[in-house]
Amino acid sequence: MKEFAIYTVARLGLFVASYAVISGIYMLVTGTDSVPLIWPLLLAAIVSAVASLYLLKGPRTRFAARVEQRAATMTRRFEEARAKEDQD
């Protein structure tokens, strides 16, 4: 599923970019070289989740359409198999 891979890589990339920006801002504001682990990760998760709603709308729509198409195909195959079983 190419759409799944594209969407997943885009989400991870957005998270990493958000973490880098938040960590950079933290280091600029505090003037230190070390960044605490938990708070930038939580902020990056929130920022990337909100940003993905807007920035990744296209890949998410294509992924959802592909999942829906696969589900419809599987449902059709199941119904065909059930109808064939009923005829026997």
PDB file of N, CA and C in Angstrom:
ATOM      1  N   MET A   1       0.845  -1.178   0.000  1.00  0.00           N
ATOM      2  CA  MET A   1       0.000   0.000   0.000  1.00  0.00           C
ATOM      3  C   MET A   1       0.891   1.243   0.000  1.00  0.00           C
ATOM      4  N   LYS A   2       1.090   1.741  -1.192  1.00  0.00           N
ATOM      5  CA  LYS A   2       1.946   2.900  -1.376  1.00  0.00           C
ATOM      6  C   LYS A   2       1.411   4.119  -0.614  1.00  0.00           C
ATOM      7  N   GLU A   3       0.104   4.300  -0.614  1.00  0.00           N
ATOM      8  CA  GLU A   3      -0.502   5.450   0.056  1.00  0.00           C
ATOM      9  C   GLU A   3      -0.219   5.431   1.548  1.00  0.00           C
ATOM     10  N   PHE A   4      -0.256   4.241   2.151  1.00  0.00           N
ATOM     11  CA  PHE A   4       0.029   4.108   3.574  1.00  0.00           C
ATOM     12  C   PHE A   4       1.467   4.517   3.872  1.00  0.00           C
ATOM     13  N   ALA A   5       2.396   4.056   3.049  1.00  0.00           N
ATOM     14  CA  ALA A   5       3.811   4.390   3.249  1.00  0.00           C
ATOM     15  C   ALA A   5       4.053   5.886   3.096  1.00  0.00           C
ATOM     16  N   ILE A   6       3.458   6.484   2.096  1.00  0.00           N
ATOM     17  CA  ILE A   6       3.633   7.918   1.871  1.00  0.00           C
ATOM     18  C   ILE A   6       3.084   8.713   3.051  1.00  0.00           C
ATOM     19  N   TYR A   7       1.884   8.375   3.490  1.00  0.00           N
ATOM     20  CA  TYR A   7       1.273   9.103   4.600  1.00  0.00           C
ATOM     21  C   TYR A   7       2.079   8.920   5.890  1.00  0.00           C
ATOM     22  N   THR A   8       2.535   7.697   6.142  1.00  0.00           N
ATOM     23  CA  THR A   8       3.303   7.426   7.354  1.00  0.00           C
ATOM     24  C   THR A   8       4.632   8.173   7.358  1.00  0.00           C
ATOM     25  N   VAL A   9       5.335   8.144   6.247  1.00  0.00           N
ATOM     26  CA  VAL A   9       6.609   8.868   6.153  1.00  0.00           C
ATOM     27  C   VAL A   9       6.389  10.370   6.303  1.00  0.00           C
ATOM     28  N   ALA A  10       5.314  10.886   5.710  1.00  0.00           N
ATOM     29  CA  ALA A  10       5.017  12.311   5.841  1.00  0.00           C
ATOM     30  C   ALA A  10       4.708  12.680   7.293  1.00  0.00           C
ATOM     31  N   ARG A  11       3.941  11.832   7.981  1.00  0.00           N
ATOM     32  CA  ARG A  11       3.644  12.095   9.402  1.00  0.00           C
ATOM     33  C   ARG A  11       4.904  12.078  10.248  1.00  0.00           C
ATOM     34  N   LEU A  12       5.756  11.073  10.013  1.00  0.00           N
ATOM     35  CA  LEU A  12       7.013  10.995  10.767  1.00  0.00           C
ATOM     36  C   LEU A  12       7.910  12.190  10.463  1.00  0.00           C
ATOM     37  N   GLY A  13       7.979  12.570   9.204  1.00  0.00           N
ATOM     38  CA  GLY A  13       8.778  13.734   8.822  1.00  0.00           C
ATOM     39  C   GLY A  13       8.268  15.005   9.477  1.00  0.00           C
ATOM     40  N   LEU A  14       6.967  15.162   9.516  1.00  0.00           N
ATOM     41  CA  LEU A  14       6.375  16.332  10.158  1.00  0.00           C
ATOM     42  C   LEU A  14       6.673  16.341  11.653  1.00  0.00           C
ATOM     43  N   PHE A  15       6.627  15.167  12.281  1.00  0.00           N
ATOM     44  CA  PHE A  15       6.949  15.077  13.701  1.00  0.00           C
ATOM     45  C   PHE A  15       8.417  15.434  13.959  1.00  0.00           C
ATOM     46  N   VAL A  16       9.314  14.882  13.157  1.00  0.00           N
ATOM     47  CA  VAL A  16      10.747  15.160  13.332  1.00  0.00           C
ATOM     48  C   VAL A  16      11.035  16.647  13.107  1.00  0.00           C
ATOM     49  N   ALA A  17      10.420  17.219  12.090  1.00  0.00           N
ATOM     50  CA  ALA A  17      10.617  18.651  11.834  1.00  0.00           C
ATOM     51  C   ALA A  17      10.087  19.489  13.003  1.00  0.00           C
ATOM     52  N   SER A  18       8.935  19.123  13.527  1.00  0.00           N
ATOM     53  CA  SER A  18       8.367  19.851  14.671  1.00  0.00           C
ATOM     54  C   SER A  18       9.280  19.733  15.886  1.00  0.00           C
ATOM     55  N   TYR A  19       9.793  18.533  16.119  1.00  0.00           N
ATOM     56  CA  TYR A  19      10.700  18.332  17.258  1.00  0.00           C
ATOM     57  C   TYR A  19      11.967  19.160  17.087  1.00  0.00           C
ATOM     58  N   ALA A  20      12.507  19.196  15.882  1.00  0.00           N
ATOM     59  CA  ALA A  20      13.728  19.972  15.633  1.00  0.00           C
ATOM     60  C   ALA A  20      13.492  21.457  15.865  1.00  0.00           C
ATOM     61  N   VAL A  21      12.374  21.961  15.386  1.00  0.00           N
ATOM     62  CA  VAL A  21      12.069  23.385  15.570  1.00  0.00           C
ATOM     63  C   VAL A  21      11.856  23.701  17.043  1.00  0.00           C
ATOM     64  N   ILE A  22      11.094  22.879  17.731  1.00  0.00           N
ATOM     65  CA  ILE A  22      10.833  23.122  19.157  1.00  0.00           C
ATOM     66  C   ILE A  22      12.121  23.018  19.972  1.00  0.00           C
ATOM     67  N   SER A  23      12.949  22.034  19.669  1.00  0.00           N
ATOM     68  CA  SER A  23      14.230  21.904  20.374  1.00  0.00           C
ATOM     69  C   SER A  23      15.138  23.096  20.092  1.00  0.00           C
ATOM     70  N   GLY A  24      15.163  23.536  18.850  1.00  0.00           N
ATOM     71  CA  GLY A  24      15.964  24.707  18.499  1.00  0.00           C
ATOM     72  C   GLY A  24      15.504  25.949  19.220  1.00  0.00           C
ATOM     73  N   ILE A  25      14.218  26.151  19.283  1.00  0.00           N
ATOM     74  CA  ILE A  25      13.677  27.310  20.003  1.00  0.00           C
ATOM     75  C   ILE A  25      14.018  27.213  21.486  1.00  0.00           C
ATOM     76  N   TYR A  26      13.900  26.008  22.049  1.00  0.00           N
ATOM     77  CA  TYR A  26      14.232  25.815  23.465  1.00  0.00           C
ATOM     78  C   TYR A  26      15.691  26.167  23.731  1.00  0.00           C
ATOM     79  N   MET A  27      16.582  25.696  22.852  1.00  0.00           N
ATOM     80  CA  MET A  27      18.009  25.980  23.053  1.00  0.00           C
ATOM     81  C   MET A  27      18.316  27.456  22.879  1.00  0.00           C
ATOM     82  N   LEU A  28      17.624  28.137  21.966  1.00  0.00           N
ATOM     83  CA  LEU A  28      17.833  29.572  21.800  1.00  0.00           C
ATOM     84  C   LEU A  28      17.339  30.359  23.008  1.00  0.00           C
ATOM     85  N   VAL A  29      16.200  29.979  23.526  1.00  0.00           N
ATOM     86  CA  VAL A  29      15.604  30.707  24.649  1.00  0.00           C
ATOM     87  C   VAL A  29      16.402  30.476  25.933  1.00  0.00           C
ATOM     88  N   THR A  30      16.778  29.222  26.194  1.00  0.00           N
ATOM     89  CA  THR A  30      17.466  28.922  27.451  1.00  0.00           C
ATOM     90  C   THR A  30      18.975  29.112  27.368  1.00  0.00           C
ATOM     91  N   GLY A  31      19.537  29.085  26.174  1.00  0.00           N
ATOM     92  CA  GLY A  31      20.976  29.253  26.018  1.00  0.00           C
ATOM     93  C   GLY A  31      21.776  28.026  26.406  1.00  0.00           C
ATOM     94  N   THR A  32      21.128  26.872  26.465  1.00  0.00           N
ATOM     95  CA  THR A  32      21.824  25.638  26.808  1.00  0.00           C
ATOM     96  C   THR A  32      21.942  24.737  25.583  1.00  0.00           C
ATOM     97  N   ASP A  33      22.810  23.732  25.707  1.00  0.00           N
ATOM     98  CA  ASP A  33      22.966  22.776  24.615  1.00  0.00           C
ATOM     99  C   ASP A  33      22.140  21.514  24.827  1.00  0.00           C
ATOM    100  N   SER A  34      21.601  21.327  26.018  1.00  0.00           N
ATOM    101  CA  SER A  34      20.812  20.128  26.287  1.00  0.00           C
ATOM    102  C   SER A  34      19.323  20.471  26.300  1.00  0.00           C
ATOM    103  N   VAL A  35      18.558  19.514  25.840  1.00  0.00           N
ATOM    104  CA  VAL A  35      17.109  19.685  25.761  1.00  0.00           C
ATOM    105  C   VAL A  35      16.474  18.556  26.570  1.00  0.00           C
ATOM    106  N   PRO A  36      15.520  18.876  27.474  1.00  0.00           N
ATOM    107  CA  PRO A  36      14.832  17.801  28.187  1.00  0.00           C
ATOM    108  C   PRO A  36      14.052  16.940  27.189  1.00  0.00           C
ATOM    109  N   LEU A  37      13.844  15.712  27.527  1.00  0.00           N
ATOM    110  CA  LEU A  37      13.273  14.771  26.566  1.00  0.00           C
ATOM    111  C   LEU A  37      11.751  14.872  26.438  1.00  0.00           C
ATOM    112  N   ILE A  38      11.029  14.897  27.531  1.00  0.00           N
ATOM    113  CA  ILE A  38       9.585  14.700  27.483  1.00  0.00           C
ATOM    114  C   ILE A  38       8.811  15.897  26.924  1.00  0.00           C
ATOM    115  N   TRP A  39       9.114  17.106  27.363  1.00  0.00           N
ATOM    116  CA  TRP A  39       8.298  18.259  26.951  1.00  0.00           C
ATOM    117  C   TRP A  39       8.414  18.585  25.466  1.00  0.00           C
ATOM    118  N   PRO A  40       9.593  18.598  24.898  1.00  0.00           N
ATOM    119  CA  PRO A  40       9.639  18.825  23.445  1.00  0.00           C
ATOM    120  C   PRO A  40       8.957  17.713  22.643  1.00  0.00           C
ATOM    121  N   LEU A  41       9.045  16.468  23.131  1.00  0.00           N
ATOM    122  CA  LEU A  41       8.361  15.373  22.438  1.00  0.00           C
ATOM    123  C   LEU A  41       6.845  15.552  22.477  1.00  0.00           C
ATOM    124  N   LEU A  42       6.320  15.916  23.636  1.00  0.00           N
ATOM    125  CA  LEU A  42       4.871  16.130  23.746  1.00  0.00           C
ATOM    126  C   LEU A  42       4.418  17.305  22.890  1.00  0.00           C
ATOM    127  N   LEU A  43       5.156  18.406  22.941  1.00  0.00           N
ATOM    128  CA  LEU A  43       4.800  19.555  22.116  1.00  0.00           C
ATOM    129  C   LEU A  43       4.902  19.234  20.632  1.00  0.00           C
ATOM    130  N   ALA A  44       5.942  18.497  20.246  1.00  0.00           N
ATOM    131  CA  ALA A  44       6.097  18.120  18.841  1.00  0.00           C
ATOM    132  C   ALA A  44       4.953  17.212  18.393  1.00  0.00           C
ATOM    133  N   ALA A  45       4.514  16.319  19.260  1.00  0.00           N
ATOM    134  CA  ALA A  45       3.388  15.448  18.920  1.00  0.00           C
ATOM    135  C   ALA A  45       2.118  16.258  18.700  1.00  0.00           C
ATOM    136  N   ILE A  46       1.884  17.228  19.557  1.00  0.00           N
ATOM    137  CA  ILE A  46       0.686  18.066  19.426  1.00  0.00           C
ATOM    138  C   ILE A  46       0.770  18.930  18.178  1.00  0.00           C
ATOM    139  N   VAL A  47       1.908  19.586  17.986  1.00  0.00           N
ATOM    140  CA  VAL A  47       2.074  20.471  16.836  1.00  0.00           C
ATOM    141  C   VAL A  47       1.971  19.679  15.535  1.00  0.00           C
ATOM    142  N   SER A  48       2.624  18.524  15.466  1.00  0.00           N
ATOM    143  CA  SER A  48       2.582  17.749  14.222  1.00  0.00           C
ATOM    144  C   SER A  48       1.192  17.171  13.963  1.00  0.00           C
ATOM    145  N   ALA A  49       0.465  16.827  15.015  1.00  0.00           N
ATOM    146  CA  ALA A  49      -0.897  16.319  14.834  1.00  0.00           C
ATOM    147  C   ALA A  49      -1.812  17.393  14.262  1.00  0.00           C
ATOM    148  N   VAL A  50      -1.716  18.591  14.802  1.00  0.00           N
ATOM    149  CA  VAL A  50      -2.544  19.695  14.308  1.00  0.00           C
ATOM    150  C   VAL A  50      -2.117  20.084  12.894  1.00  0.00           C
ATOM    151  N   ALA A  51      -0.821  20.159  12.659  1.00  0.00           N
ATOM    152  CA  ALA A  51      -0.329  20.536  11.334  1.00  0.00           C
ATOM    153  C   ALA A  51      -0.700  19.494  10.288  1.00  0.00           C
ATOM    154  N   SER A  52      -0.716  18.227  10.673  1.00  0.00           N
ATOM    155  CA  SER A  52      -1.038  17.187   9.703  1.00  0.00           C
ATOM    156  C   SER A  52      -2.490  17.272   9.239  1.00  0.00           C
ATOM    157  N   LEU A  53      -3.365  17.814  10.064  1.00  0.00           N
ATOM    158  CA  LEU A  53      -4.755  17.982   9.648  1.00  0.00           C
ATOM    159  C   LEU A  53      -4.849  18.867   8.408  1.00  0.00           C
ATOM    160  N   TYR A  54      -3.980  19.856   8.324  1.00  0.00           N
ATOM    161  CA  TYR A  54      -4.015  20.796   7.207  1.00  0.00           C
ATOM    162  C   TYR A  54      -3.017  20.435   6.113  1.00  0.00           C
ATOM    163  N   LEU A  55      -1.800  20.087   6.497  1.00  0.00           N
ATOM    164  CA  LEU A  55      -0.738  19.876   5.520  1.00  0.00           C
ATOM    165  C   LEU A  55      -0.816  18.527   4.811  1.00  0.00           C
ATOM    166  N   LEU A  56      -1.387  17.524   5.447  1.00  0.00           N
ATOM    167  CA  LEU A  56      -1.408  16.185   4.874  1.00  0.00           C
ATOM    168  C   LEU A  56      -2.810  15.739   4.453  1.00  0.00           C
ATOM    169  N   LYS A  57      -3.649  16.708   4.129  1.00  0.00           N
ATOM    170  CA  LYS A  57      -5.016  16.386   3.747  1.00  0.00           C
ATOM    171  C   LYS A  57      -5.064  15.543   2.470  1.00  0.00           C
ATOM    172  N   GLY A  58      -4.246  15.864   1.487  1.00  0.00           N
ATOM    173  CA  GLY A  58      -4.228  15.119   0.229  1.00  0.00           C
ATOM    174  C   GLY A  58      -3.802  13.669   0.411  1.00  0.00           C
ATOM    175  N   PRO A  59      -2.624  13.432   1.020  1.00  0.00           N
ATOM    176  CA  PRO A  59      -2.226  12.032   1.229  1.00  0.00           C
ATOM    177  C   PRO A  59      -3.207  11.245   2.100  1.00  0.00           C
ATOM    178  N   ARG A  60      -3.793  11.894   3.091  1.00  0.00           N
ATOM    179  CA  ARG A  60      -4.750  11.203   3.959  1.00  0.00           C
ATOM    180  C   ARG A  60      -6.006  10.829   3.174  1.00  0.00           C
ATOM    181  N   THR A  61      -6.458  11.706   2.295  1.00  0.00           N
ATOM    182  CA  THR A  61      -7.637  11.431   1.476  1.00  0.00           C
ATOM    183  C   THR A  61      -7.369  10.276   0.511  1.00  0.00           C
ATOM    184  N   ARG A  62      -6.189  10.270  -0.114  1.00  0.00           N
ATOM    185  CA  ARG A  62      -5.838   9.180  -1.026  1.00  0.00           C
ATOM    186  C   ARG A  62      -5.724   7.856  -0.267  1.00  0.00           C
ATOM    187  N   PHE A  63      -5.144   7.896   0.927  1.00  0.00           N
ATOM    188  CA  PHE A  63      -5.025   6.687   1.739  1.00  0.00           C
ATOM    189  C   PHE A  63      -6.408   6.165   2.126  1.00  0.00           C
ATOM    190  N   ALA A  64      -7.287   7.048   2.555  1.00  0.00           N
ATOM    191  CA  ALA A  64      -8.640   6.638   2.948  1.00  0.00           C
ATOM    192  C   ALA A  64      -9.406   6.071   1.752  1.00  0.00           C
ATOM    193  N   ALA A  65      -9.231   6.668   0.579  1.00  0.00           N
ATOM    194  CA  ALA A  65      -9.906   6.155  -0.614  1.00  0.00           C
ATOM    195  C   ALA A  65      -9.402   4.757  -0.959  1.00  0.00           C
ATOM    196  N   ARG A  66      -8.117   4.545  -0.815  1.00  0.00           N
ATOM    197  CA  ARG A  66      -7.537   3.225  -1.105  1.00  0.00           C
ATOM    198  C   ARG A  66      -8.069   2.180  -0.115  1.00  0.00           C
ATOM    199  N   VAL A  67      -8.152   2.544   1.159  1.00  0.00           N
ATOM    200  CA  VAL A  67      -8.678   1.617   2.172  1.00  0.00           C
ATOM    201  C   VAL A  67     -10.141   1.301   1.876  1.00  0.00           C
ATOM    202  N   GLU A  68     -10.898   2.321   1.514  1.00  0.00           N
ATOM    203  CA  GLU A  68     -12.314   2.112   1.196  1.00  0.00           C
ATOM    204  C   GLU A  68     -12.469   1.217  -0.036  1.00  0.00           C
ATOM    205  N   GLN A  69     -11.617   1.415  -1.031  1.00  0.00           N
ATOM    206  CA  GLN A  69     -11.656   0.592  -2.234  1.00  0.00           C
ATOM    207  C   GLN A  69     -11.348  -0.870  -1.899  1.00  0.00           C
ATOM    208  N   ARG A  70     -10.344  -1.097  -1.076  1.00  0.00           N
ATOM    209  CA  ARG A  70      -9.990  -2.466  -0.684  1.00  0.00           C
ATOM    210  C   ARG A  70     -11.111  -3.114   0.124  1.00  0.00           C
ATOM    211  N   ALA A  71     -11.730  -2.335   1.017  1.00  0.00           N
ATOM    212  CA  ALA A  71     -12.834  -2.871   1.811  1.00  0.00           C
ATOM    213  C   ALA A  71     -14.014  -3.238   0.925  1.00  0.00           C
ATOM    214  N   ALA A  72     -14.307  -2.410  -0.068  1.00  0.00           N
ATOM    215  CA  ALA A  72     -15.414  -2.703  -0.982  1.00  0.00           C
ATOM    216  C   ALA A  72     -15.113  -3.960  -1.793  1.00  0.00           C
ATOM    217  N   THR A  73     -13.878  -4.114  -2.216  1.00  0.00           N
ATOM    218  CA  THR A  73     -13.490  -5.307  -2.970  1.00  0.00           C
ATOM    219  C   THR A  73     -13.638  -6.560  -2.114  1.00  0.00           C
ATOM    220  N   MET A  74     -13.171  -6.484  -0.887  1.00  0.00           N
ATOM    221  CA  MET A  74     -13.274  -7.644   0.011  1.00  0.00           C
ATOM    222  C   MET A  74     -14.742  -7.967   0.325  1.00  0.00           C
ATOM    223  N   THR A  75     -15.557  -6.945   0.518  1.00  0.00           N
ATOM    224  CA  THR A  75     -16.983  -7.165   0.778  1.00  0.00           C
ATOM    225  C   THR A  75     -17.641  -7.828  -0.423  1.00  0.00           C
ATOM    226  N   ARG A  76     -17.311  -7.338  -1.622  1.00  0.00           N
ATOM    227  CA  ARG A  76     -17.874  -7.923  -2.840  1.00  0.00           C
ATOM    228  C   ARG A  76     -17.466  -9.390  -2.973  1.00  0.00           C
ATOM    229  N   ARG A  77     -16.194  -9.688  -2.721  1.00  0.00           N
ATOM    230  CA  ARG A  77     -15.721 -11.074  -2.805  1.00  0.00           C
ATOM    231  C   ARG A  77     -16.414 -11.959  -1.768  1.00  0.00           C
ATOM    232  N   PHE A  78     -16.593 -11.427  -0.574  1.00  0.00           N
ATOM    233  CA  PHE A  78     -17.267 -12.184   0.481  1.00  0.00           C
ATOM    234  C   PHE A  78     -18.702 -12.480   0.086  1.00  0.00           C
ATOM    235  N   GLU A  79     -19.388 -11.469  -0.437  1.00  0.00           N
ATOM    236  CA  GLU A  79     -20.785 -11.655  -0.846  1.00  0.00           C
ATOM    237  C   GLU A  79     -20.891 -12.650  -2.000  1.00  0.00           C
ATOM    238  N   GLU A  80     -19.947 -12.588  -2.947  1.00  0.00           N
ATOM    239  CA  GLU A  80     -19.947 -13.546  -4.053  1.00  0.00           C
ATOM    240  C   GLU A  80     -19.734 -14.968  -3.535  1.00  0.00           C
ATOM    241  N   ALA A  81     -18.804 -15.139  -2.623  1.00  0.00           N
ATOM    242  CA  ALA A  81     -18.534 -16.456  -2.050  1.00  0.00           C
ATOM    243  C   ALA A  81     -19.751 -16.961  -1.272  1.00  0.00           C
ATOM    244  N   ARG A  82     -20.400 -16.060  -0.544  1.00  0.00           N
ATOM    245  CA  ARG A  82     -21.594 -16.460   0.219  1.00  0.00           C
ATOM    246  C   ARG A  82     -22.745 -16.840  -0.707  1.00  0.00           C
ATOM    247  N   ALA A  83     -22.912 -16.081  -1.800  1.00  0.00           N
ATOM    248  CA  ALA A  83     -23.970 -16.386  -2.752  1.00  0.00           C
ATOM    249  C   ALA A  83     -23.696 -17.722  -3.436  1.00  0.00           C
ATOM    250  N   LYS A  84     -22.447 -17.978  -3.752  1.00  0.00           N
ATOM    251  CA  LYS A  84     -22.072 -19.242  -4.379  1.00  0.00           C
ATOM    252  C   LYS A  84     -22.330 -20.399  -3.414  1.00  0.00           C
ATOM    253  N   GLU A  85     -22.033 -20.170  -2.143  1.00  0.00           N
ATOM    254  CA  GLU A  85     -22.259 -21.199  -1.130  1.00  0.00           C
ATOM    255  C   GLU A  85     -23.742 -21.484  -0.965  1.00  0.00           C
ATOM    256  N   ASP A  86     -24.578 -20.446  -1.046  1.00  0.00           N
ATOM    257  CA  ASP A  86     -26.019 -20.611  -0.917  1.00  0.00           C
ATOM    258  C   ASP A  86     -26.606 -21.400  -2.095  1.00  0.00           C
ATOM    259  N   GLN A  87     -25.987 -21.261  -3.268  1.00  0.00           N
ATOM    260  CA  GLN A  87     -26.489 -21.969  -4.465  1.00  0.00           C
ATOM    261  C   GLN A  87     -26.185 -23.463  -4.381  1.00  0.00           C
ATOM    262  N   ASP A  88     -25.127 -23.811  -3.703  1.00  0.00           N
ATOM    263  CA  ASP A  88     -24.743 -25.234  -3.601  1.00  0.00           C
ATOM    264  C   ASP A  88     -25.623 -25.985  -2.684  1.00  0.00           C
TER     265      ASP A  88
END
